[in-house]
Amino acid sequence: MSAKAFDSDASLDERRIIIRRCGGDVEMVELPWGLQPREPGGRPFTVVRAEGRTFPSHRCLVPASEFRHRSHGKNYSFSLASGDWFYFAGIWRPATRDWPEAYAILTIESNVDLAPYHDRQMAVVRREQRMVWLDRTCREGELLRPLAAGTFKVTRARTEPRQAELAV
């Protein structure tokens, strides 16, 4: 399995691989990002605030090697300082008559590394914690919390093409 960069400005229905429990097995499926709004005519949502909530079912993981976010008019890339890839904690919902099966990512307060760029961040689950999230073997608040300072490497993402990319 591999992971790729996750762009927080991706379109609402961008499809990604998620990992979830299916009976006693773990499966990988490709679903669109964005859950149906609760009220008719409401806006679909891609993130869900995790604090104070429990997620007893429909948990999923979204693999990522880094995530990209725009802050103060600049693009940034955030990856684990160790270079390892990780998962975002998420939830998925079955299809309804009006909406396809889809997922959203949980958010938490930003850790020290990300706080200068945004007050919230997508909840990161390290690879060694993946089954803890899927199997609900600890409380949400124990797992879904900001990681220690120095966990993330922050780089300014390039927005213009490199010279070699311009060559025909």
Protein backbone atom coordinates (compact mmCIF):
# COMPACT_ATOMS: atom_id res chain seq x y z
CA MET A 1 0.00 0.00 0.00
CA SER A 2 1.18 3.52 -0.69
CA ALA A 3 0.05 6.94 0.44
CA LYS A 4 -0.10 10.23 -1.44
CA ALA A 5 -0.34 13.89 -0.56
CA PHE A 6 -3.71 15.15 0.63
CA ASP A 7 -4.76 18.62 -0.50
CA SER A 8 -7.19 20.32 1.89
CA ASP A 9 -8.43 22.43 -1.06
CA ALA A 10 -9.38 19.33 -3.08
CA SER A 11 -12.80 19.33 -4.69
CA LEU A 12 -15.70 18.14 -2.61
CA ASP A 13 -16.13 14.87 -4.46
CA GLU A 14 -12.47 13.94 -4.97
CA ARG A 15 -12.17 10.18 -4.67
CA ARG A 16 -9.59 8.62 -2.36
CA ILE A 17 -8.84 5.22 -0.95
CA ILE A 18 -10.09 4.75 2.60
CA ILE A 19 -9.57 1.80 4.91
CA ARG A 20 -12.42 0.53 7.06
CA ARG A 21 -13.75 -2.51 8.87
CA CYS A 22 -16.18 -4.69 6.98
CA GLY A 23 -17.44 -7.38 9.32
CA GLY A 24 -14.30 -9.04 10.68
CA ASP A 25 -12.14 -7.94 7.76
CA VAL A 26 -10.37 -4.74 6.81
CA GLU A 27 -11.07 -3.42 3.33
CA MET A 28 -9.83 -0.65 1.09
CA VAL A 29 -12.45 1.18 -0.96
CA GLU A 30 -12.43 4.33 -3.04
CA LEU A 31 -15.03 6.88 -1.91
CA PRO A 32 -15.72 10.56 -2.61
CA TRP A 33 -14.80 13.16 0.02
CA GLY A 34 -17.80 14.94 1.47
CA LEU A 35 -20.87 13.94 3.45
CA GLN A 36 -24.46 14.85 2.76
CA PRO A 37 -25.69 17.93 4.61
CA ARG A 38 -28.06 17.21 7.47
CA GLU A 39 -30.67 19.74 6.34
CA PRO A 40 -32.12 20.04 2.83
CA GLY A 41 -30.28 22.69 0.82
CA GLY A 42 -27.39 22.72 3.32
CA ARG A 43 -23.74 22.57 2.37
CA PRO A 44 -21.98 19.20 2.16
CA PHE A 45 -19.13 18.89 4.65
CA THR A 46 -15.68 17.35 4.40
CA VAL A 47 -14.48 17.66 8.00
CA VAL A 48 -16.06 16.94 11.39
CA ARG A 49 -14.92 18.40 14.71
CA ALA A 50 -13.88 15.48 16.95
CA GLU A 51 -13.80 17.07 20.40
CA GLY A 52 -16.55 15.92 22.71
CA ARG A 53 -17.84 13.30 20.28
CA THR A 54 -17.70 9.55 20.08
CA PHE A 55 -17.59 7.53 16.90
CA PRO A 56 -18.85 4.04 17.77
CA SER A 57 -19.20 2.91 14.15
CA HIS A 58 -18.33 3.77 10.56
CA ARG A 59 -14.74 4.67 11.35
CA CYS A 60 -12.17 4.83 8.57
CA LEU A 61 -8.58 5.77 7.85
CA VAL A 62 -7.37 7.95 4.98
CA PRO A 63 -3.72 7.20 4.07
CA ALA A 64 -1.49 10.23 3.37
CA SER A 65 2.19 11.01 2.91
CA GLU A 66 1.66 14.71 3.59
CA PHE A 67 -1.10 17.27 3.57
CA ARG A 68 -1.22 20.63 1.90
CA HIS A 69 -2.96 23.71 3.19
CA ARG A 70 -3.23 27.34 2.12
CA SER A 71 -2.61 29.88 4.89
CA HIS A 72 -2.17 33.64 4.70
CA GLY A 73 -2.12 33.48 0.90
CA LYS A 74 0.70 30.91 0.78
CA ASN A 75 0.70 27.16 0.17
CA TYR A 76 2.33 24.88 2.74
CA SER A 77 3.07 21.19 2.92
CA PHE A 78 3.04 19.30 6.21
CA SER A 79 4.63 15.88 6.62
CA LEU A 80 5.90 13.84 9.54
CA ALA A 81 9.43 14.88 10.48
CA SER A 82 10.34 11.18 10.49
CA GLY A 83 9.41 10.93 6.79
CA ASP A 84 6.88 8.17 7.53
CA TRP A 85 3.39 8.26 6.09
CA PHE A 86 0.29 8.26 8.26
CA TYR A 87 -3.49 8.23 8.26
CA PHE A 88 -6.22 10.74 8.94
CA ALA A 89 -8.97 9.55 11.26
CA GLY A 90 -12.28 9.66 9.43
CA ILE A 91 -15.84 8.51 9.32
CA TRP A 92 -17.88 7.21 6.40
CA ARG A 93 -21.57 7.01 5.70
CA PRO A 94 -23.50 4.50 3.60
CA ALA A 95 -25.18 5.70 0.44
CA THR A 96 -28.68 7.13 0.61
CA ARG A 97 -31.16 7.68 -2.17
CA ASP A 98 -29.77 11.22 -2.63
CA TRP A 99 -26.07 10.81 -1.79
CA PRO A 100 -23.33 8.29 -2.56
CA GLU A 101 -21.36 6.40 0.06
CA ALA A 102 -18.75 8.96 1.18
CA TYR A 103 -16.33 9.96 3.94
CA ALA A 104 -15.19 12.96 6.00
CA ILE A 105 -12.05 13.58 8.05
CA LEU A 106 -12.06 14.42 11.75
CA THR A 107 -10.41 17.62 12.98
CA ILE A 108 -8.77 18.54 16.26
CA GLU A 109 -6.92 21.53 17.70
CA SER A 110 -3.65 22.14 15.84
CA ASN A 111 -0.41 21.00 17.38
CA VAL A 112 2.41 23.49 18.05
CA ASP A 113 3.98 22.94 14.60
CA LEU A 114 0.76 23.72 12.72
CA ALA A 115 -0.71 26.41 14.99
CA PRO A 116 1.01 29.31 13.15
CA TYR A 117 -0.86 28.26 9.99
CA HIS A 118 -4.28 27.25 11.29
CA ASP A 119 -6.05 26.69 14.61
CA ARG A 120 -7.45 23.29 13.49
CA GLN A 121 -5.89 20.28 11.83
CA MET A 122 -7.03 16.96 10.49
CA ALA A 123 -6.60 14.26 13.14
CA VAL A 124 -3.44 12.26 12.38
CA VAL A 125 -3.21 8.60 13.30
CA ARG A 126 0.25 7.06 13.11
CA ARG A 127 0.65 3.77 11.29
CA GLU A 128 1.19 1.82 14.52
CA GLN A 129 -2.15 3.20 15.84
CA ARG A 130 -4.30 2.27 12.83
CA MET A 131 -5.97 -0.76 14.36
CA VAL A 132 -6.58 1.10 17.62
CA TRP A 133 -8.76 3.54 15.65
CA LEU A 134 -10.52 0.92 13.52
CA ASP A 135 -11.12 -1.49 16.43
CA ARG A 136 -12.12 1.18 18.97
CA THR A 137 -9.68 -0.13 21.59
CA CYS A 138 -9.21 3.28 23.24
CA ARG A 139 -11.35 6.34 23.80
CA GLU A 140 -11.44 8.93 21.05
CA GLY A 141 -9.89 11.62 23.26
CA GLU A 142 -6.83 9.44 23.95
CA LEU A 143 -6.05 9.01 20.25
CA LEU A 144 -7.48 12.13 18.60
CA ARG A 145 -5.29 14.81 20.10
CA PRO A 146 -2.46 17.06 18.91
CA LEU A 147 0.86 15.29 18.45
CA ALA A 148 4.01 16.51 20.24
CA ALA A 149 5.94 19.57 19.08
CA GLY A 150 8.48 18.71 16.40
CA THR A 151 6.30 15.94 14.92
CA PHE A 152 5.68 17.79 11.65
CA LYS A 153 8.03 19.21 9.04
CA VAL A 154 6.56 22.31 7.42
CA THR A 155 7.70 23.43 3.98
CA ARG A 156 6.49 26.13 1.65
CA ALA A 157 4.84 24.42 -1.30
CA ARG A 158 5.82 25.54 -4.77
CA THR A 159 3.05 27.13 -6.79
CA GLU A 160 4.89 27.91 -10.01
CA PRO A 161 6.24 25.19 -12.31
CA ARG A 162 9.93 24.43 -12.26
CA GLN A 163 11.92 25.40 -15.35
CA ALA A 164 12.26 21.74 -16.45
CA GLU A 165 8.47 21.38 -16.36
CA LEU A 166 8.13 24.25 -18.84
CA ALA A 167 10.33 22.59 -21.46
CA VAL A 168 8.51 21.00 -24.36
